[in-house]
Amino acid sequence: MKRSVWLKADAGDWESKKRRITAGLEAGVDWVLVNDVDVNAVRELGNIKIAAFT
C-alpha cells in the first residue's frame, strides 16, 4: 500500500502559507491542501499535486 503525505496550508496570510508549502516541497510532500483562491500561486511554487476547498 502506497501512502501519501499531505500538507494542510489553508490558514494564515499568503507569506506564511508560502513558507509552509516551500518547506513541504523540500521535504517531499505529495499533496497540498489549500483554499481555491491560492491554487494558481501554489502552482507557481513547484510541481506538486493540489487539492482545494471550493
Protein backbone atom coordinates (compact mmCIF):
# COMPACT_ATOMS: atom_id res chain seq x y z
CA MET A 1 0.00 0.00 0.00
CA LYS A 2 1.42 3.36 -1.04
CA ARG A 3 0.92 6.20 1.38
CA SER A 4 0.74 9.88 0.55
CA VAL A 5 1.88 12.79 2.67
CA TRP A 6 -0.49 15.76 2.71
CA LEU A 7 0.25 19.30 3.82
CA LYS A 8 -2.63 21.47 5.04
CA ALA A 9 -1.92 25.10 4.13
CA ASP A 10 -5.27 26.83 4.20
CA ALA A 11 -4.88 29.22 7.14
CA GLY A 12 -2.92 32.43 7.58
CA ASP A 13 -1.66 35.04 5.17
CA TRP A 14 -0.05 34.10 1.86
CA GLU A 15 3.54 34.58 3.09
CA SER A 16 3.09 32.10 5.95
CA LYS A 17 1.36 29.61 3.62
CA LYS A 18 4.15 30.07 1.06
CA ARG A 19 6.83 29.30 3.66
CA ARG A 20 4.93 26.20 4.82
CA ILE A 21 4.39 24.94 1.26
CA THR A 22 8.01 25.58 0.26
CA ALA A 23 9.24 23.64 3.28
CA GLY A 24 6.84 20.85 2.38
CA LEU A 25 8.12 20.72 -1.19
CA GLU A 26 11.67 20.45 0.10
CA ALA A 27 10.62 17.67 2.49
CA GLY A 28 8.89 15.64 -0.22
CA VAL A 29 5.19 16.24 0.47
CA ASP A 30 2.89 14.58 -2.09
CA TRP A 31 -0.19 16.83 -1.86
CA VAL A 32 -1.01 20.35 -0.65
CA LEU A 33 -4.49 21.26 0.62
CA VAL A 34 -5.26 24.96 0.08
CA ASN A 35 -8.13 27.37 -0.46
CA ASP A 36 -9.29 27.70 -4.06
CA VAL A 37 -8.00 31.29 -4.29
CA ASP A 38 -4.42 30.06 -3.69
CA VAL A 39 -4.28 27.34 -6.36
CA ASN A 40 -2.53 29.40 -9.06
CA ALA A 41 0.01 30.80 -6.60
CA VAL A 42 0.82 27.30 -5.33
CA ARG A 43 1.33 26.05 -8.90
CA GLU A 44 4.00 28.72 -9.35
CA LEU A 45 5.97 27.32 -6.39
CA GLY A 46 6.68 23.95 -7.96
CA ASN A 47 5.44 20.64 -9.27
CA ILE A 48 3.04 19.34 -6.62
CA LYS A 49 -0.45 17.88 -6.56
CA ILE A 50 -3.04 20.33 -5.23
CA ALA A 51 -6.39 19.77 -3.56
CA ALA A 52 -8.54 22.81 -2.85
CA PHE A 53 -11.55 23.78 -0.77
CA THR A 54 -14.24 25.20 -3.06
